[in-house]
Amino acid sequence: MARIDHYRSPDAPAANSIVVAVTAVVQDEDGRLLLIRRTDNDLYAIPGGALELGETLTRTVEREVMEETGVAVVVTSMVGVYSDPDHVIEFTDGAVRQEFSVCFRATPTGGKLRTSDESKEVLWANPADLGDLNIHPSIRLRIHHGLENRIGDPNPRRPGVRSAQSLRACQVVGGGDGLDHLIDLQRGEGGA
């Protein structure tokens, strides 16, 4: 099914639905970013997709990354919550969705790159080369936020170090208790 991303366009149709979705900023040990080239709009993107009934957000990330790329991941932190009523996604089946996506950072744990029905190309890209790729502005923003604590940081997974964007997202989603507590709750390991 083809799609058109309308971003701050006066010609955009009115949204008629909203779906909770996830995206993932996945970097390997060399700092390269996992990207797909989407089959539905021919743009480069980070992997992601819709939450299914009965799933946690982190499980959705793991499933979607595996489905679209062949790479197994573990979620390490949250990048942010993205909901912009001026970004609607129009599908050929008549659905017009308002964007609502939670973006996470994840680390690869195995698997082998492969394409899927949703990805015509899968690659590890050097962040310095992203300017040459056709990436939607909303995805480019998530990538920027996801990389902002990683570039030049000799220990990007230091406990307690999060960007202001991540902290704001945690307050929105996690009630201000912090990301670690939020992820623990989603895995059934945390307390109320």
C-alpha atoms as a PDB file:
ATOM      1  CA  MET A   1       0.000   0.000   0.000  1.00  0.00           C
ATOM      2  CA  ALA A   2       1.489   3.336  -1.049  1.00  0.00           C
ATOM      3  CA  ARG A   3       1.623   6.330   1.249  1.00  0.00           C
ATOM      4  CA  ILE A   4       2.148  10.065   1.063  1.00  0.00           C
ATOM      5  CA  ASP A   5       3.605  11.948   4.013  1.00  0.00           C
ATOM      6  CA  HIS A   6       2.097  15.430   4.230  1.00  0.00           C
ATOM      7  CA  TYR A   7       4.240  17.643   6.418  1.00  0.00           C
ATOM      8  CA  ARG A   8       2.947  21.141   7.149  1.00  0.00           C
ATOM      9  CA  SER A   9       1.217  21.181   3.780  1.00  0.00           C
ATOM     10  CA  PRO A  10      -1.909  23.306   3.212  1.00  0.00           C
ATOM     11  CA  ASP A  11      -3.055  20.651   0.712  1.00  0.00           C
ATOM     12  CA  ALA A  12      -2.956  17.823   3.262  1.00  0.00           C
ATOM     13  CA  PRO A  13      -6.211  15.930   3.805  1.00  0.00           C
ATOM     14  CA  ALA A  14      -7.732  15.928   7.287  1.00  0.00           C
ATOM     15  CA  ALA A  15      -6.636  13.055   9.496  1.00  0.00           C
ATOM     16  CA  ASN A  16      -9.295  10.398  10.118  1.00  0.00           C
ATOM     17  CA  SER A  17      -7.300   8.126  12.443  1.00  0.00           C
ATOM     18  CA  ILE A  18      -4.353   7.910  14.789  1.00  0.00           C
ATOM     19  CA  VAL A  19      -2.215   4.830  15.409  1.00  0.00           C
ATOM     20  CA  VAL A  20       0.460   4.418  18.071  1.00  0.00           C
ATOM     21  CA  ALA A  21       3.719   3.658  16.298  1.00  0.00           C
ATOM     22  CA  VAL A  22       7.368   3.214  17.222  1.00  0.00           C
ATOM     23  CA  THR A  23      10.649   3.958  15.489  1.00  0.00           C
ATOM     24  CA  ALA A  24      14.173   2.942  16.432  1.00  0.00           C
ATOM     25  CA  VAL A  25      17.558   4.616  16.195  1.00  0.00           C
ATOM     26  CA  VAL A  26      19.815   1.552  16.025  1.00  0.00           C
ATOM     27  CA  GLN A  27      23.587   1.960  15.983  1.00  0.00           C
ATOM     28  CA  ASP A  28      26.208  -0.753  15.722  1.00  0.00           C
ATOM     29  CA  GLU A  29      29.518  -0.758  17.619  1.00  0.00           C
ATOM     30  CA  ASP A  30      31.081   1.347  14.832  1.00  0.00           C
ATOM     31  CA  GLY A  31      28.430   4.054  15.254  1.00  0.00           C
ATOM     32  CA  ARG A  32      26.694   3.292  11.956  1.00  0.00           C
ATOM     33  CA  LEU A  33      22.931   3.823  11.803  1.00  0.00           C
ATOM     34  CA  LEU A  34      20.499   1.127  10.651  1.00  0.00           C
ATOM     35  CA  LEU A  35      18.315   2.452   7.817  1.00  0.00           C
ATOM     36  CA  ILE A  36      15.713   1.066   5.476  1.00  0.00           C
ATOM     37  CA  ARG A  37      14.544   2.370   2.127  1.00  0.00           C
ATOM     38  CA  ARG A  38      10.776   2.119   2.310  1.00  0.00           C
ATOM     39  CA  THR A  39       8.811   0.389  -0.428  1.00  0.00           C
ATOM     40  CA  ASP A  40       5.725   2.586   0.068  1.00  0.00           C
ATOM     41  CA  ASN A  41       7.308   6.029  -0.457  1.00  0.00           C
ATOM     42  CA  ASP A  42      10.909   5.315  -1.591  1.00  0.00           C
ATOM     43  CA  LEU A  43      12.378   7.343   1.312  1.00  0.00           C
ATOM     44  CA  TYR A  44      15.129   6.292   3.678  1.00  0.00           C
ATOM     45  CA  ALA A  45      13.922   5.854   7.252  1.00  0.00           C
ATOM     46  CA  ILE A  46      14.694   4.268  10.575  1.00  0.00           C
ATOM     47  CA  PRO A  47      12.780   1.023  11.144  1.00  0.00           C
ATOM     48  CA  GLY A  48       9.444   1.121  12.922  1.00  0.00           C
ATOM     49  CA  GLY A  49       5.761   0.386  12.773  1.00  0.00           C
ATOM     50  CA  ALA A  50       2.451   0.114  14.567  1.00  0.00           C
ATOM     51  CA  LEU A  51       1.817  -1.194  18.055  1.00  0.00           C
ATOM     52  CA  GLU A  52      -0.247  -4.390  18.022  1.00  0.00           C
ATOM     53  CA  LEU A  53      -2.794  -5.338  20.670  1.00  0.00           C
ATOM     54  CA  GLY A  54      -1.146  -7.022  23.641  1.00  0.00           C
ATOM     55  CA  GLU A  55       2.342  -5.675  22.870  1.00  0.00           C
ATOM     56  CA  THR A  56       4.512  -3.332  24.889  1.00  0.00           C
ATOM     57  CA  LEU A  57       6.247  -0.494  23.077  1.00  0.00           C
ATOM     58  CA  THR A  58       9.650  -2.114  23.527  1.00  0.00           C
ATOM     59  CA  ARG A  59       8.412  -5.442  22.143  1.00  0.00           C
ATOM     60  CA  THR A  60       6.978  -3.565  19.153  1.00  0.00           C
ATOM     61  CA  VAL A  61      10.409  -2.040  18.497  1.00  0.00           C
ATOM     62  CA  GLU A  62      12.073  -5.459  18.626  1.00  0.00           C
ATOM     63  CA  ARG A  63       9.465  -7.017  16.312  1.00  0.00           C
ATOM     64  CA  GLU A  64       9.398  -4.187  13.772  1.00  0.00           C
ATOM     65  CA  VAL A  65      13.183  -3.904  13.492  1.00  0.00           C
ATOM     66  CA  MET A  66      13.466  -7.677  12.969  1.00  0.00           C
ATOM     67  CA  GLU A  67      10.604  -7.733  10.428  1.00  0.00           C
ATOM     68  CA  GLU A  68      11.936  -4.827   8.367  1.00  0.00           C
ATOM     69  CA  THR A  69      15.694  -5.435   8.577  1.00  0.00           C
ATOM     70  CA  GLY A  70      16.520  -8.939   9.855  1.00  0.00           C
ATOM     71  CA  VAL A  71      18.400  -7.410  12.811  1.00  0.00           C
ATOM     72  CA  ALA A  72      17.617  -8.434  16.399  1.00  0.00           C
ATOM     73  CA  VAL A  73      17.806  -5.550  18.891  1.00  0.00           C
ATOM     74  CA  VAL A  74      17.415  -4.688  22.535  1.00  0.00           C
ATOM     75  CA  VAL A  75      15.936  -1.308  23.498  1.00  0.00           C
ATOM     76  CA  THR A  76      18.340   0.802  25.558  1.00  0.00           C
ATOM     77  CA  SER A  77      16.544   4.140  26.000  1.00  0.00           C
ATOM     78  CA  MET A  78      13.823   6.414  24.701  1.00  0.00           C
ATOM     79  CA  VAL A  79      14.545   9.265  22.297  1.00  0.00           C
ATOM     80  CA  GLY A  80      11.184  11.049  22.413  1.00  0.00           C
ATOM     81  CA  VAL A  81       7.473  11.161  21.687  1.00  0.00           C
ATOM     82  CA  TYR A  82       6.524  12.666  18.325  1.00  0.00           C
ATOM     83  CA  SER A  83       2.979  13.826  17.675  1.00  0.00           C
ATOM     84  CA  ASP A  84       2.497  16.613  15.167  1.00  0.00           C
ATOM     85  CA  PRO A  85      -1.031  17.317  13.887  1.00  0.00           C
ATOM     86  CA  ASP A  86       0.608  19.018  10.887  1.00  0.00           C
ATOM     87  CA  HIS A  87       2.141  15.703   9.846  1.00  0.00           C
ATOM     88  CA  VAL A  88      -0.428  13.337   8.367  1.00  0.00           C
ATOM     89  CA  ILE A  89       0.190  10.146   6.454  1.00  0.00           C
ATOM     90  CA  GLU A  90      -2.226   9.371   3.620  1.00  0.00           C
ATOM     91  CA  PHE A  91      -2.623   5.751   2.513  1.00  0.00           C
ATOM     92  CA  THR A  92      -4.182   4.446  -0.697  1.00  0.00           C
ATOM     93  CA  ASP A  93      -6.870   2.602   1.310  1.00  0.00           C
ATOM     94  CA  GLY A  94      -8.337   5.964   2.437  1.00  0.00           C
ATOM     95  CA  ALA A  95      -6.763   6.076   5.889  1.00  0.00           C
ATOM     96  CA  VAL A  96      -5.205   9.422   6.785  1.00  0.00           C
ATOM     97  CA  ARG A  97      -3.289   9.138  10.042  1.00  0.00           C
ATOM     98  CA  GLN A  98      -2.049  11.835  12.333  1.00  0.00           C
ATOM     99  CA  GLU A  99       1.521  11.088  13.355  1.00  0.00           C
ATOM    100  CA  PHE A 100       1.987   9.613  16.834  1.00  0.00           C
ATOM    101  CA  SER A 101       5.287   7.843  17.300  1.00  0.00           C
ATOM    102  CA  VAL A 102       7.530   6.937  20.207  1.00  0.00           C
ATOM    103  CA  CYS A 103      11.179   6.729  19.174  1.00  0.00           C
ATOM    104  CA  PHE A 104      13.698   4.555  21.007  1.00  0.00           C
ATOM    105  CA  ARG A 105      17.417   3.863  20.871  1.00  0.00           C
ATOM    106  CA  ALA A 106      18.336   0.209  20.411  1.00  0.00           C
ATOM    107  CA  THR A 107      21.459  -1.895  20.123  1.00  0.00           C
ATOM    108  CA  PRO A 108      21.833  -4.813  17.686  1.00  0.00           C
ATOM    109  CA  THR A 109      22.204  -8.237  19.277  1.00  0.00           C
ATOM    110  CA  GLY A 110      22.282 -10.457  16.197  1.00  0.00           C
ATOM    111  CA  GLY A 111      20.627 -11.249  12.913  1.00  0.00           C
ATOM    112  CA  LYS A 112      21.573 -10.572   9.313  1.00  0.00           C
ATOM    113  CA  LEU A 113      20.542  -7.664   7.078  1.00  0.00           C
ATOM    114  CA  ARG A 114      17.690  -8.508   4.724  1.00  0.00           C
ATOM    115  CA  THR A 115      14.858  -6.682   3.015  1.00  0.00           C
ATOM    116  CA  SER A 116      11.145  -7.263   3.567  1.00  0.00           C
ATOM    117  CA  ASP A 117       7.812  -6.292   2.013  1.00  0.00           C
ATOM    118  CA  GLU A 118       8.255  -2.876   3.676  1.00  0.00           C
ATOM    119  CA  SER A 119      11.942  -2.323   2.879  1.00  0.00           C
ATOM    120  CA  LYS A 120      13.556  -2.479  -0.541  1.00  0.00           C
ATOM    121  CA  GLU A 121      17.008  -1.711   0.867  1.00  0.00           C
ATOM    122  CA  VAL A 122      18.559  -2.178   4.318  1.00  0.00           C
ATOM    123  CA  LEU A 123      21.922  -0.681   5.206  1.00  0.00           C
ATOM    124  CA  TRP A 124      24.271   0.507   7.920  1.00  0.00           C
ATOM    125  CA  ALA A 125      24.965   4.188   7.185  1.00  0.00           C
ATOM    126  CA  ASN A 126      27.630   6.481   8.538  1.00  0.00           C
ATOM    127  CA  PRO A 127      25.830   9.384  10.291  1.00  0.00           C
ATOM    128  CA  ALA A 128      28.098  11.829   8.425  1.00  0.00           C
ATOM    129  CA  ASP A 129      26.605  10.592   5.116  1.00  0.00           C
ATOM    130  CA  LEU A 130      22.923  11.090   6.017  1.00  0.00           C
ATOM    131  CA  GLY A 131      22.754  14.483   4.277  1.00  0.00           C
ATOM    132  CA  ASP A 132      23.045  12.697   0.922  1.00  0.00           C
ATOM    133  CA  LEU A 133      19.986  10.495   1.561  1.00  0.00           C
ATOM    134  CA  ASN A 134      16.332  11.338   0.888  1.00  0.00           C
ATOM    135  CA  ILE A 135      14.895  11.234   4.434  1.00  0.00           C
ATOM    136  CA  HIS A 136      11.562  12.743   5.523  1.00  0.00           C
ATOM    137  CA  PRO A 137      12.018  15.781   7.833  1.00  0.00           C
ATOM    138  CA  SER A 138      10.163  14.116  10.727  1.00  0.00           C
ATOM    139  CA  ILE A 139      12.447  11.067  10.541  1.00  0.00           C
ATOM    140  CA  ARG A 140      15.533  13.249  10.181  1.00  0.00           C
ATOM    141  CA  LEU A 141      14.502  15.013  13.424  1.00  0.00           C
ATOM    142  CA  ARG A 142      14.220  11.684  15.279  1.00  0.00           C
ATOM    143  CA  ILE A 143      17.613  10.609  13.967  1.00  0.00           C
ATOM    144  CA  HIS A 144      19.126  13.909  15.108  1.00  0.00           C
ATOM    145  CA  HIS A 145      17.620  13.526  18.580  1.00  0.00           C
ATOM    146  CA  GLY A 146      18.660   9.876  18.753  1.00  0.00           C
ATOM    147  CA  LEU A 147      22.258  10.644  17.854  1.00  0.00           C
ATOM    148  CA  GLU A 148      22.663  13.818  19.888  1.00  0.00           C
ATOM    149  CA  ASN A 149      24.089  12.067  22.973  1.00  0.00           C
ATOM    150  CA  ARG A 150      26.068   9.533  20.941  1.00  0.00           C
ATOM    151  CA  ILE A 151      28.310  11.571  18.635  1.00  0.00           C
ATOM    152  CA  GLY A 152      31.603  12.370  20.308  1.00  0.00           C
ATOM    153  CA  ASP A 153      30.552  10.704  23.557  1.00  0.00           C
ATOM    154  CA  PRO A 154      33.145   8.059  24.491  1.00  0.00           C
ATOM    155  CA  ASN A 155      30.621   6.263  26.709  1.00  0.00           C
ATOM    156  CA  PRO A 156      27.148   6.952  25.241  1.00  0.00           C
ATOM    157  CA  ARG A 157      25.338   4.519  27.539  1.00  0.00           C
ATOM    158  CA  ARG A 158      26.409   6.126  30.835  1.00  0.00           C
ATOM    159  CA  PRO A 159      23.633   5.652  33.402  1.00  0.00           C
ATOM    160  CA  GLY A 160      21.678   8.799  34.074  1.00  0.00           C
ATOM    161  CA  VAL A 161      22.863  10.709  30.990  1.00  0.00           C
ATOM    162  CA  ARG A 162      19.920  11.647  28.812  1.00  0.00           C
ATOM    163  CA  SER A 163      19.119  14.528  26.526  1.00  0.00           C
ATOM    164  CA  ALA A 164      16.579  17.148  27.551  1.00  0.00           C
ATOM    165  CA  GLN A 165      14.318  15.794  24.790  1.00  0.00           C
ATOM    166  CA  SER A 166      14.441  12.306  26.318  1.00  0.00           C
ATOM    167  CA  LEU A 167      13.655  13.636  29.773  1.00  0.00           C
ATOM    168  CA  ARG A 168      10.669  15.614  28.470  1.00  0.00           C
ATOM    169  CA  ALA A 169       9.432  12.472  26.705  1.00  0.00           C
ATOM    170  CA  CYS A 170       9.807  10.439  29.892  1.00  0.00           C
ATOM    171  CA  GLN A 171       7.776  12.969  31.817  1.00  0.00           C
ATOM    172  CA  VAL A 172       5.025  12.794  29.215  1.00  0.00           C
ATOM    173  CA  VAL A 173       4.945   9.006  29.031  1.00  0.00           C
ATOM    174  CA  GLY A 174       6.405   7.872  32.321  1.00  0.00           C
ATOM    175  CA  GLY A 175       4.864  10.343  34.723  1.00  0.00           C
ATOM    176  CA  GLY A 176       8.213  11.928  35.535  1.00  0.00           C
ATOM    177  CA  ASP A 177       9.672   8.803  37.157  1.00  0.00           C
ATOM    178  CA  GLY A 178      12.351   8.400  34.509  1.00  0.00           C
ATOM    179  CA  LEU A 179      13.011   6.156  31.550  1.00  0.00           C
ATOM    180  CA  ASP A 180      14.531   3.185  33.365  1.00  0.00           C
ATOM    181  CA  HIS A 181      11.367   2.838  35.436  1.00  0.00           C
ATOM    182  CA  LEU A 182       9.216   3.152  32.311  1.00  0.00           C
ATOM    183  CA  ILE A 183      11.049   0.408  30.436  1.00  0.00           C
ATOM    184  CA  ASP A 184      11.034  -1.832  33.526  1.00  0.00           C
ATOM    185  CA  LEU A 185       7.269  -1.389  33.794  1.00  0.00           C
ATOM    186  CA  GLN A 186       6.805  -2.334  30.137  1.00  0.00           C
ATOM    187  CA  ARG A 187       8.778  -5.533  30.663  1.00  0.00           C
ATOM    188  CA  GLY A 188       6.798  -6.312  33.806  1.00  0.00           C
ATOM    189  CA  GLU A 189       9.822  -5.811  36.056  1.00  0.00           C
ATOM    190  CA  GLY A 190       8.937  -2.486  37.675  1.00  0.00           C
ATOM    191  CA  GLY A 191       6.539  -1.442  40.351  1.00  0.00           C
ATOM    192  CA  ALA A 192       3.746   1.088  40.281  1.00  0.00           C
END
